[in-house]
C-alpha atoms as a PDB file:
ATOM      1  CA  MET A   1       8.150  41.933 -36.968  1.00  0.00           C
ATOM      2  CA  LYS A   2      10.454  38.890 -36.648  1.00  0.00           C
ATOM      3  CA  ASN A   3      11.288  37.061 -39.859  1.00  0.00           C
ATOM      4  CA  ALA A   4      10.553  33.361 -40.398  1.00  0.00           C
ATOM      5  CA  SER A   5      14.089  32.193 -39.569  1.00  0.00           C
ATOM      6  CA  THR A   6      14.070  34.032 -36.215  1.00  0.00           C
ATOM      7  CA  VAL A   7      10.691  32.559 -35.268  1.00  0.00           C
ATOM      8  CA  LYS A   8      11.932  29.100 -36.236  1.00  0.00           C
ATOM      9  CA  LYS A   9      15.038  29.576 -34.058  1.00  0.00           C
ATOM     10  CA  TYR A  10      12.886  30.529 -31.029  1.00  0.00           C
ATOM     11  CA  LEU A  11      10.623  27.539 -31.582  1.00  0.00           C
ATOM     12  CA  VAL A  12      13.573  25.149 -31.697  1.00  0.00           C
ATOM     13  CA  HIS A  13      15.065  26.642 -28.530  1.00  0.00           C
ATOM     14  CA  GLY A  14      11.676  26.397 -26.821  1.00  0.00           C
ATOM     15  CA  LEU A  15      11.294  22.730 -27.754  1.00  0.00           C
ATOM     16  CA  ILE A  16      14.803  21.986 -26.459  1.00  0.00           C
ATOM     17  CA  LEU A  17      13.987  23.723 -23.152  1.00  0.00           C
ATOM     18  CA  VAL A  18      10.702  21.813 -22.769  1.00  0.00           C
ATOM     19  CA  GLY A  19      12.483  18.555 -23.538  1.00  0.00           C
ATOM     20  CA  ALA A  20      15.188  19.301 -20.966  1.00  0.00           C
ATOM     21  CA  VAL A  21      12.598  20.061 -18.282  1.00  0.00           C
ATOM     22  CA  ALA A  22      10.682  16.869 -19.088  1.00  0.00           C
ATOM     23  CA  LEU A  23      13.899  14.831 -19.001  1.00  0.00           C
ATOM     24  CA  SER A  24      14.997  16.285 -15.663  1.00  0.00           C
ATOM     25  CA  SER A  25      11.545  15.560 -14.205  1.00  0.00           C
ATOM     26  CA  SER A  26      11.602  11.953 -15.356  1.00  0.00           C
ATOM     27  CA  VAL A  27      15.158  11.413 -14.085  1.00  0.00           C
ATOM     28  CA  ALA A  28      14.128  12.731 -10.649  1.00  0.00           C
ATOM     29  CA  GLN A  29      11.423  10.116 -10.304  1.00  0.00           C
ATOM     30  CA  ALA A  30      12.020   6.578  -9.121  1.00  0.00           C
ATOM     31  CA  THR A  31      11.140   3.745 -11.471  1.00  0.00           C
ATOM     32  CA  SER A  32       9.691   0.313 -10.871  1.00  0.00           C
ATOM     33  CA  LEU A  33      12.325  -1.959  -9.347  1.00  0.00           C
ATOM     34  CA  GLY A  34      13.559  -5.100 -11.075  1.00  0.00           C
ATOM     35  CA  VAL A  35      12.148  -7.311  -8.339  1.00  0.00           C
ATOM     36  CA  PHE A  36       8.702  -6.542  -9.807  1.00  0.00           C
ATOM     37  CA  ASP A  37       9.514  -7.237 -13.476  1.00  0.00           C
ATOM     38  CA  ASP A  38       7.027 -10.112 -13.811  1.00  0.00           C
ATOM     39  CA  TRP A  39       4.335  -8.572 -11.573  1.00  0.00           C
ATOM     40  CA  THR A  40       1.240  -6.578 -12.544  1.00  0.00           C
ATOM     41  CA  MET A  41       1.251  -2.938 -11.427  1.00  0.00           C
ATOM     42  CA  PHE A  42      -2.144  -1.763 -10.186  1.00  0.00           C
ATOM     43  CA  ALA A  43      -1.273   1.591  -8.586  1.00  0.00           C
ATOM     44  CA  ASP A  44       1.234   4.277  -9.569  1.00  0.00           C
ATOM     45  CA  ASP A  45       1.612   7.244  -7.214  1.00  0.00           C
ATOM     46  CA  GLU A  46       5.291   7.959  -7.891  1.00  0.00           C
ATOM     47  CA  GLY A  47       6.615  11.502  -7.752  1.00  0.00           C
ATOM     48  CA  HIS A  48       4.686  12.712  -4.714  1.00  0.00           C
ATOM     49  CA  THR A  49       5.452  16.370  -3.968  1.00  0.00           C
ATOM     50  CA  GLU A  50       2.315  17.790  -2.381  1.00  0.00           C
ATOM     51  CA  GLY A  51      -1.154  17.019  -0.979  1.00  0.00           C
ATOM     52  CA  PRO A  52      -1.895  15.925   1.627  1.00  0.00           C
ATOM     53  CA  GLY A  53       1.694  16.675   2.742  1.00  0.00           C
ATOM     54  CA  ALA A  54       5.285  16.911   1.499  1.00  0.00           C
ATOM     55  CA  GLY A  55       8.571  15.378   2.602  1.00  0.00           C
ATOM     56  CA  GLY A  56      10.317  14.370  -0.608  1.00  0.00           C
ATOM     57  CA  GLN A  57      11.491  10.882  -1.523  1.00  0.00           C
ATOM     58  CA  ALA A  58      11.448   9.668   2.079  1.00  0.00           C
ATOM     59  CA  PHE A  59       7.654  10.095   2.102  1.00  0.00           C
ATOM     60  CA  ASP A  60       6.809   8.908  -1.398  1.00  0.00           C
ATOM     61  CA  ALA A  61       4.452   5.935  -1.722  1.00  0.00           C
ATOM     62  CA  GLU A  62       5.341   4.822  -5.241  1.00  0.00           C
ATOM     63  CA  TYR A  63       3.801   1.624  -6.615  1.00  0.00           C
ATOM     64  CA  LEU A  64       1.586  -1.370  -5.833  1.00  0.00           C
ATOM     65  CA  PHE A  65       1.919  -4.711  -7.650  1.00  0.00           C
ATOM     66  CA  TYR A  66       0.276  -8.114  -7.495  1.00  0.00           C
ATOM     67  CA  LYS A  67       0.813 -11.653  -8.733  1.00  0.00           C
ATOM     68  CA  LEU A  68      -1.714 -14.488  -8.633  1.00  0.00           C
ATOM     69  CA  ASP A  69      -0.814 -18.185  -8.839  1.00  0.00           C
ATOM     70  CA  GLY A  70      -3.906 -20.322  -8.399  1.00  0.00           C
ATOM     71  CA  THR A  71      -5.265 -19.257  -5.021  1.00  0.00           C
ATOM     72  CA  THR A  72      -1.927 -17.836  -3.838  1.00  0.00           C
ATOM     73  CA  LEU A  73      -1.913 -14.037  -3.933  1.00  0.00           C
ATOM     74  CA  SER A  74       1.256 -11.957  -3.641  1.00  0.00           C
ATOM     75  CA  ILE A  75       1.177  -8.177  -3.212  1.00  0.00           C
ATOM     76  CA  GLY A  76       4.174  -5.871  -3.608  1.00  0.00           C
ATOM     77  CA  LEU A  77       4.675  -2.340  -2.294  1.00  0.00           C
ATOM     78  CA  GLN A  78       7.429   0.071  -3.391  1.00  0.00           C
ATOM     79  CA  SER A  79       8.093   3.290  -1.479  1.00  0.00           C
ATOM     80  CA  GLY A  80      10.739   5.853  -0.651  1.00  0.00           C
ATOM     81  CA  PHE A  81       9.638   5.381   2.959  1.00  0.00           C
ATOM     82  CA  ASN A  82      11.512   2.662   4.870  1.00  0.00           C
ATOM     83  CA  ILE A  83       9.125  -0.299   4.689  1.00  0.00           C
ATOM     84  CA  ASP A  84      11.978  -2.719   5.415  1.00  0.00           C
ATOM     85  CA  THR A  85      12.470  -1.976   9.129  1.00  0.00           C
ATOM     86  CA  GLY A  86       9.216  -0.013   9.225  1.00  0.00           C
ATOM     87  CA  VAL A  87      10.837   3.088  10.738  1.00  0.00           C
ATOM     88  CA  GLN A  88      11.843   6.287   8.931  1.00  0.00           C
ATOM     89  CA  LYS A  89      13.883   9.019  10.651  1.00  0.00           C
ATOM     90  CA  TYR A  90      13.195  12.522   9.370  1.00  0.00           C
ATOM     91  CA  GLY A  91      14.850  15.413  11.172  1.00  0.00           C
ATOM     92  CA  SER A  92      14.764  14.534  14.855  1.00  0.00           C
ATOM     93  CA  HIS A  93      11.556  12.511  14.636  1.00  0.00           C
ATOM     94  CA  LEU A  94      10.687   8.889  13.909  1.00  0.00           C
ATOM     95  CA  TYR A  95       7.811   7.850  11.646  1.00  0.00           C
ATOM     96  CA  HIS A  96       6.393   4.354  11.226  1.00  0.00           C
ATOM     97  CA  ALA A  97       5.135   2.301   8.303  1.00  0.00           C
ATOM     98  CA  GLY A  98       1.454   1.404   8.415  1.00  0.00           C
ATOM     99  CA  ASP A  99      -0.144  -1.913   7.538  1.00  0.00           C
ATOM    100  CA  LEU A 100      -1.367  -2.872   4.098  1.00  0.00           C
ATOM    101  CA  ALA A 101      -5.147  -2.345   4.163  1.00  0.00           C
ATOM    102  CA  LEU A 102      -7.127  -4.766   1.969  1.00  0.00           C
ATOM    103  CA  SER A 103     -10.727  -5.247   0.913  1.00  0.00           C
ATOM    104  CA  PHE A 104     -12.167  -8.154  -1.063  1.00  0.00           C
ATOM    105  CA  ASP A 105     -15.826  -7.110  -1.265  1.00  0.00           C
ATOM    106  CA  GLY A 106     -15.516  -4.526  -4.036  1.00  0.00           C
ATOM    107  CA  ASP A 107     -15.994  -1.615  -1.625  1.00  0.00           C
ATOM    108  CA  SER A 108     -12.910   0.480  -0.900  1.00  0.00           C
ATOM    109  CA  ALA A 109     -14.813   2.743   1.499  1.00  0.00           C
ATOM    110  CA  THR A 110     -13.872   0.288   4.252  1.00  0.00           C
ATOM    111  CA  TYR A 111     -11.053  -2.238   4.555  1.00  0.00           C
ATOM    112  CA  GLU A 112     -11.991  -5.416   6.371  1.00  0.00           C
ATOM    113  CA  TYR A 113      -8.508  -6.973   6.233  1.00  0.00           C
ATOM    114  CA  ALA A 114      -4.929  -5.899   6.943  1.00  0.00           C
ATOM    115  CA  PHE A 115      -1.648  -7.521   6.090  1.00  0.00           C
ATOM    116  CA  ASP A 116       0.437  -6.693   9.140  1.00  0.00           C
ATOM    117  CA  PHE A 117       4.181  -6.580   8.385  1.00  0.00           C
ATOM    118  CA  GLY A 118       4.895  -7.680  11.955  1.00  0.00           C
ATOM    119  CA  ASN A 119       6.549  -4.444  13.111  1.00  0.00           C
ATOM    120  CA  TYR A 120       6.051  -2.391  16.257  1.00  0.00           C
ATOM    121  CA  THR A 121       3.997   0.677  15.287  1.00  0.00           C
ATOM    122  CA  GLU A 122       3.385   4.129  16.747  1.00  0.00           C
ATOM    123  CA  GLY A 123       0.930   6.815  15.763  1.00  0.00           C
ATOM    124  CA  TYR A 124       1.878  10.398  14.934  1.00  0.00           C
ATOM    125  CA  PHE A 125       4.870  11.470  17.073  1.00  0.00           C
ATOM    126  CA  ALA A 126       3.368  14.843  18.097  1.00  0.00           C
ATOM    127  CA  ASP A 127       0.354  13.227  19.794  1.00  0.00           C
ATOM    128  CA  ASP A 128       0.948  12.856  23.525  1.00  0.00           C
ATOM    129  CA  ASP A 129      -1.576  10.011  23.660  1.00  0.00           C
ATOM    130  CA  ARG A 130      -0.549   8.441  20.334  1.00  0.00           C
ATOM    131  CA  ASP A 131      -1.466   4.845  19.599  1.00  0.00           C
ATOM    132  CA  ILE A 132       1.207   2.323  20.588  1.00  0.00           C
ATOM    133  CA  ILE A 133       0.734  -0.953  18.720  1.00  0.00           C
ATOM    134  CA  ASP A 134       2.824  -3.948  19.751  1.00  0.00           C
ATOM    135  CA  ALA A 135       4.354  -6.165  17.076  1.00  0.00           C
ATOM    136  CA  VAL A 136       2.405  -9.275  16.069  1.00  0.00           C
ATOM    137  CA  ASP A 137       3.225 -12.156  13.758  1.00  0.00           C
ATOM    138  CA  ALA A 138       3.278 -11.080  10.135  1.00  0.00           C
ATOM    139  CA  GLY A 139       0.209 -12.205   8.242  1.00  0.00           C
ATOM    140  CA  LEU A 140      -3.280 -11.419   7.001  1.00  0.00           C
ATOM    141  CA  TYR A 141      -5.743 -10.352   9.704  1.00  0.00           C
ATOM    142  CA  GLU A 142      -9.456  -9.713   9.792  1.00  0.00           C
ATOM    143  CA  VAL A 143      -9.519  -6.230  11.313  1.00  0.00           C
ATOM    144  CA  VAL A 144     -11.388  -5.503  14.520  1.00  0.00           C
ATOM    145  CA  GLU A 145     -10.166  -1.914  14.822  1.00  0.00           C
ATOM    146  CA  TRP A 146      -8.041   0.461  12.726  1.00  0.00           C
ATOM    147  CA  SER A 147      -5.761   3.215  14.034  1.00  0.00           C
ATOM    148  CA  THR A 148      -6.220   6.638  12.425  1.00  0.00           C
ATOM    149  CA  ASP A 149      -3.609   8.313  14.635  1.00  0.00           C
ATOM    150  CA  ILE A 150      -1.839  10.185  11.828  1.00  0.00           C
ATOM    151  CA  TYR A 151      -1.474  13.905  11.091  1.00  0.00           C
ATOM    152  CA  PHE A 152      -3.267  13.845   7.730  1.00  0.00           C
ATOM    153  CA  SER A 153      -5.876  11.404   9.063  1.00  0.00           C
ATOM    154  CA  ALA A 154      -8.826  12.572   6.992  1.00  0.00           C
ATOM    155  CA  ALA A 155      -6.934  12.238   3.716  1.00  0.00           C
ATOM    156  CA  SER A 156      -4.824   9.128   4.346  1.00  0.00           C
ATOM    157  CA  SER A 157      -6.642   6.826   6.818  1.00  0.00           C
ATOM    158  CA  PRO A 158      -6.729   4.023   7.706  1.00  0.00           C
ATOM    159  CA  TYR A 159      -3.180   3.692   8.963  1.00  0.00           C
ATOM    160  CA  ALA A 160      -2.466   0.551  11.001  1.00  0.00           C
ATOM    161  CA  MET A 161      -4.400  -2.310  12.549  1.00  0.00           C
ATOM    162  CA  THR A 162      -4.950  -1.800  16.274  1.00  0.00           C
ATOM    163  CA  SER A 163      -6.492  -5.245  16.783  1.00  0.00           C
ATOM    164  CA  GLY A 164      -7.556  -8.152  14.617  1.00  0.00           C
ATOM    165  CA  ASN A 165      -7.711 -11.919  14.152  1.00  0.00           C
ATOM    166  CA  MET A 166      -5.184 -13.730  11.960  1.00  0.00           C
ATOM    167  CA  VAL A 167      -6.712 -15.675   9.096  1.00  0.00           C
ATOM    168  CA  ALA A 168      -3.595 -16.442   7.055  1.00  0.00           C
ATOM    169  CA  GLY A 169       0.061 -16.482   8.062  1.00  0.00           C
ATOM    170  CA  SER A 170       2.837 -15.300   5.783  1.00  0.00           C
ATOM    171  CA  ASN A 171       4.582 -18.698   5.981  1.00  0.00           C
ATOM    172  CA  GLY A 172       7.972 -17.004   5.793  1.00  0.00           C
ATOM    173  CA  THR A 173       7.143 -15.390   2.450  1.00  0.00           C
ATOM    174  CA  THR A 174       7.229 -11.774   3.649  1.00  0.00           C
ATOM    175  CA  LEU A 175      10.271 -10.274   1.907  1.00  0.00           C
ATOM    176  CA  ALA A 176      11.784  -6.772   1.897  1.00  0.00           C
ATOM    177  CA  GLY A 177      14.750  -4.902   0.462  1.00  0.00           C
ATOM    178  CA  PHE A 178      16.275  -1.626  -0.724  1.00  0.00           C
ATOM    179  CA  GLU A 179      17.369  -0.684  -4.233  1.00  0.00           C
ATOM    180  CA  ASN A 180      17.965   2.566  -6.141  1.00  0.00           C
ATOM    181  CA  ASP A 181      16.658   4.897  -3.409  1.00  0.00           C
ATOM    182  CA  SER A 182      13.434   2.895  -2.974  1.00  0.00           C
ATOM    183  CA  TYR A 183      12.339   0.245  -0.490  1.00  0.00           C
ATOM    184  CA  TRP A 184      10.206  -2.729  -1.476  1.00  0.00           C
ATOM    185  CA  ARG A 185       8.204  -5.337   0.378  1.00  0.00           C
ATOM    186  CA  THR A 186       6.220  -8.349  -0.796  1.00  0.00           C
ATOM    187  CA  VAL A 187       3.636 -10.415   1.071  1.00  0.00           C
ATOM    188  CA  THR A 188       2.090 -13.742   0.091  1.00  0.00           C
ATOM    189  CA  PHE A 189      -0.913 -15.655   1.420  1.00  0.00           C
ATOM    190  CA  ASP A 190      -3.529 -18.204   0.340  1.00  0.00           C
ATOM    191  CA  LEU A 191      -6.891 -16.750  -0.645  1.00  0.00           C
ATOM    192  CA  SER A 192      -8.664 -20.005   0.178  1.00  0.00           C
ATOM    193  CA  SER A 193      -8.265 -19.157   3.887  1.00  0.00           C
ATOM    194  CA  LEU A 194     -10.680 -16.242   3.419  1.00  0.00           C
ATOM    195  CA  SER A 195     -13.637 -18.462   2.437  1.00  0.00           C
ATOM    196  CA  LEU A 196     -14.626 -16.092  -0.364  1.00  0.00           C
ATOM    197  CA  ALA A 197     -17.769 -16.988  -2.293  1.00  0.00           C
ATOM    198  CA  GLU A 198     -15.838 -15.782  -5.344  1.00  0.00           C
ATOM    199  CA  PHE A 199     -12.716 -13.746  -5.931  1.00  0.00           C
ATOM    200  CA  VAL A 200     -13.731 -10.486  -7.620  1.00  0.00           C
ATOM    201  CA  GLY A 201     -10.395  -8.704  -7.232  1.00  0.00           C
ATOM    202  CA  PHE A 202      -9.320  -6.534  -4.320  1.00  0.00           C
ATOM    203  CA  ASP A 203      -8.621  -2.996  -3.151  1.00  0.00           C
ATOM    204  CA  ALA A 204      -5.405  -2.005  -1.374  1.00  0.00           C
ATOM    205  CA  HIS A 205      -4.293   1.062   0.586  1.00  0.00           C
ATOM    206  CA  TRP A 206      -1.115   2.025   2.427  1.00  0.00           C
ATOM    207  CA  THR A 207       0.252   5.045   4.292  1.00  0.00           C
ATOM    208  CA  MET A 208       2.730   5.972   7.032  1.00  0.00           C
ATOM    209  CA  SER A 209       2.246   7.459  10.516  1.00  0.00           C
ATOM    210  CA  CYS A 210       2.199  11.063   9.299  1.00  0.00           C
ATOM    211  CA  GLY A 211      -0.035  10.347   6.310  1.00  0.00           C
ATOM    212  CA  ASN A 212       2.141  12.612   4.135  1.00  0.00           C
ATOM    213  CA  ASP A 213       1.449  10.355   1.190  1.00  0.00           C
ATOM    214  CA  ASN A 214      -0.744   7.341   0.556  1.00  0.00           C
ATOM    215  CA  ILE A 215      -1.283   4.890  -2.256  1.00  0.00           C
ATOM    216  CA  ASN A 216      -4.497   3.193  -3.333  1.00  0.00           C
ATOM    217  CA  GLY A 217      -5.160   0.599  -5.991  1.00  0.00           C
ATOM    218  CA  THR A 218      -7.862  -1.711  -7.318  1.00  0.00           C
ATOM    219  CA  ALA A 219      -6.740  -4.983  -8.870  1.00  0.00           C
ATOM    220  CA  PRO A 220      -8.983  -6.357 -11.621  1.00  0.00           C
ATOM    221  CA  VAL A 221     -11.089  -9.499 -11.616  1.00  0.00           C
ATOM    222  CA  PRO A 222      -8.799 -12.514 -12.210  1.00  0.00           C
ATOM    223  CA  GLU A 223      -8.741 -14.535 -15.408  1.00  0.00           C
ATOM    224  CA  PRO A 224     -11.532 -17.075 -16.063  1.00  0.00           C
ATOM    225  CA  ALA A 225      -9.150 -19.957 -15.393  1.00  0.00           C
ATOM    226  CA  THR A 226      -8.576 -18.703 -11.870  1.00  0.00           C
ATOM    227  CA  MET A 227     -12.291 -18.211 -11.342  1.00  0.00           C
ATOM    228  CA  LEU A 228     -12.788 -21.852 -12.336  1.00  0.00           C
ATOM    229  CA  LEU A 229     -10.279 -22.886  -9.671  1.00  0.00           C
ATOM    230  CA  PHE A 230     -12.273 -21.038  -7.045  1.00  0.00           C
ATOM    231  CA  GLY A 231     -15.534 -22.443  -8.390  1.00  0.00           C
ATOM    232  CA  SER A 232     -14.310 -26.022  -8.326  1.00  0.00           C
ATOM    233  CA  GLY A 233     -12.994 -25.520  -4.799  1.00  0.00           C
ATOM    234  CA  LEU A 234     -16.365 -24.236  -3.627  1.00  0.00           C
ATOM    235  CA  ILE A 235     -18.133 -27.162  -5.304  1.00  0.00           C
ATOM    236  CA  GLY A 236     -15.778 -29.527  -3.499  1.00  0.00           C
ATOM    237  CA  LEU A 237     -16.481 -27.861  -0.164  1.00  0.00           C
ATOM    238  CA  ALA A 238     -20.224 -28.084  -0.783  1.00  0.00           C
ATOM    239  CA  GLY A 239     -19.882 -31.790  -1.574  1.00  0.00           C
ATOM    240  CA  MET A 240     -17.954 -32.406   1.628  1.00  0.00           C
ATOM    241  CA  ARG A 241     -20.646 -30.654   3.659  1.00  0.00           C
ATOM    242  CA  LYS A 242     -23.391 -32.782   2.062  1.00  0.00           C
ATOM    243  CA  ARG A 243     -21.468 -35.989   2.793  1.00  0.00           C
ATOM    244  CA  ARG A 244     -21.024 -34.952   6.423  1.00  0.00           C
ATOM    245  CA  GLN A 245     -24.728 -34.151   6.729  1.00  0.00           C
ATOM    246  CA  ARG A 246     -25.663 -37.603   5.383  1.00  0.00           C
ATOM    247  CA  LYS A 247     -23.381 -39.260   7.960  1.00  0.00           C
END
């Protein structure tokens, strides 16, 4: 039977080994980029290695962020996938970045809006009749039809907007970049263009044309002060309608 000093030595060595493994795992993962220092993170899917598919860093959907200033909403996406140009080469094949799917009705089962990054988009490369989606102006669209032309479609859909009607332009505020092995993209639009009865938060979803990884997040209800801004705006709109009716 081992004496107490031998057991203690094994325990110390075991703790060192566990610590080394934990450290190596954390070093291997990307961290939130500095561009998002003053943003609120509402989804963390960093470190993707399996399910629904693999692919390493190039297919890792990492973080979602948001920032709200009055009725101006900004959403940020960080990924190992190239969301700057919207195209990722892997082996001899090209994959495309999908659109940012959004819902404002508290139901993430369906996404009624998409923020289109303005890039040309193709469905899964191995499909002979894959969806070809021409580039449109970047902005927020009310979706008419979604494309689900991705390999892991059941697990990662929806992918990209096939058709829709623009309700809010990006006004030049769609930004993108690359830093520390991760790409980032931010989009900004005015919520007042959606004619929401009230802003109760939102759901967001994003994936790429293979669906190897996806990210989903639910942002919380905004602060009371913001709700008051929406309320006062609605009251003002109601007053304008009444004045027009009287005339």
